[in-house]
Amino acid sequence: MHKLRFQRLGRTYSPAYRLVAIASRYPRSSAGRAFLGNYQPMHGTTISVHMNQTLKYLKLGSQFSSNSLRPVLQYLKFKSQLVKN
């Protein structure tokens, strides 16, 4: 079973995260199977997600971890508002 979770990068007080698909039994610092996006909470909360790859892993049965779900949903909500306008 795979999880879609954040992998921490960056320096001590300047975190940056990658959204990766990784087996659920591996720790956060392990190498992910696929790179799916970026999240930088300290720099104006920028997030980017590669939707085609993310949807591919979701169709295969992957689930978001509890910490990665909220920023991705906010990103999708913001992106859908841009498309409407």
Protein backbone atom coordinates (compact mmCIF):
# COMPACT_ATOMS: atom_id res chain seq x y z
CA MET A 1 0.00 0.00 0.00
CA HIS A 2 1.33 3.41 -0.91
CA LYS A 3 0.78 6.72 0.83
CA LEU A 4 1.03 10.21 -0.58
CA ARG A 5 3.00 12.10 2.04
CA PHE A 6 5.39 14.98 2.51
CA GLN A 7 9.14 14.48 2.58
CA ARG A 8 10.91 17.25 4.47
CA LEU A 9 13.69 19.24 2.82
CA GLY A 10 15.29 22.58 3.59
CA ARG A 11 17.15 24.05 6.50
CA THR A 12 16.34 24.14 10.20
CA TYR A 13 13.96 27.13 10.28
CA SER A 14 13.06 27.14 6.60
CA PRO A 15 11.20 23.92 5.81
CA ALA A 16 10.24 22.80 2.34
CA TYR A 17 8.42 19.61 1.48
CA ARG A 18 8.01 17.29 -1.49
CA LEU A 19 4.81 15.41 -2.08
CA VAL A 20 5.92 11.84 -2.78
CA ALA A 21 4.33 8.44 -3.26
CA ILE A 22 5.98 6.03 -0.85
CA ALA A 23 5.22 2.67 0.71
CA SER A 24 3.39 3.20 4.00
CA ARG A 25 5.88 1.17 6.04
CA TYR A 26 8.85 3.43 5.20
CA PRO A 27 9.81 6.50 7.28
CA ARG A 28 9.40 10.08 6.11
CA SER A 29 13.05 10.50 5.15
CA SER A 30 13.14 7.49 2.80
CA ALA A 31 13.41 7.86 -0.95
CA GLY A 32 9.99 8.16 -2.49
CA ARG A 33 8.73 6.20 -5.45
CA ALA A 34 7.47 9.19 -7.40
CA PHE A 35 7.82 12.95 -6.99
CA LEU A 36 4.35 14.50 -7.17
CA GLY A 37 4.75 18.13 -6.11
CA ASN A 38 6.21 20.81 -3.82
CA TYR A 39 5.00 22.59 -0.70
CA GLN A 40 6.77 25.60 0.83
CA PRO A 41 4.85 26.87 3.86
CA MET A 42 7.30 29.65 4.77
CA HIS A 43 7.37 31.33 1.35
CA GLY A 44 3.80 32.51 1.04
CA THR A 45 2.48 28.95 1.24
CA THR A 46 3.31 27.96 -2.32
CA ILE A 47 2.23 24.54 -3.47
CA SER A 48 2.37 22.80 -6.82
CA VAL A 49 1.02 19.37 -7.63
CA HIS A 50 1.50 17.22 -10.73
CA MET A 51 -2.14 16.22 -11.06
CA ASN A 52 -1.76 13.50 -13.72
CA GLN A 53 0.71 11.49 -11.63
CA THR A 54 -1.21 12.13 -8.41
CA LEU A 55 -4.46 10.87 -9.92
CA LYS A 56 -2.62 7.82 -11.27
CA TYR A 57 -1.50 6.84 -7.76
CA LEU A 58 -4.93 7.57 -6.29
CA LYS A 59 -6.52 5.24 -8.86
CA LEU A 60 -4.05 2.53 -7.83
CA GLY A 61 -5.32 2.77 -4.23
CA SER A 62 -2.90 5.19 -2.61
CA GLN A 63 -4.16 7.40 0.20
CA PHE A 64 -3.06 10.81 1.43
CA SER A 65 -1.47 10.96 4.85
CA SER A 66 -3.30 13.15 7.35
CA ASN A 67 -0.73 15.97 7.13
CA SER A 68 -0.57 16.14 3.35
CA LEU A 69 -4.30 16.14 2.66
CA ARG A 70 -5.16 19.66 3.87
CA PRO A 71 -2.64 21.67 1.78
CA VAL A 72 -3.44 19.68 -1.36
CA LEU A 73 -7.18 20.22 -0.92
CA GLN A 74 -6.61 23.96 -0.40
CA TYR A 75 -4.56 24.02 -3.59
CA LEU A 76 -7.29 22.25 -5.56
CA LYS A 77 -9.95 24.60 -4.18
CA PHE A 78 -7.88 27.64 -5.16
CA LYS A 79 -7.18 26.23 -8.62
CA SER A 80 -10.88 25.52 -9.22
CA GLN A 81 -11.75 29.11 -8.28
CA LEU A 82 -9.23 30.35 -10.86
CA VAL A 83 -10.83 28.19 -13.55
CA LYS A 84 -14.33 29.48 -12.72
CA ASN A 85 -13.27 33.12 -13.02
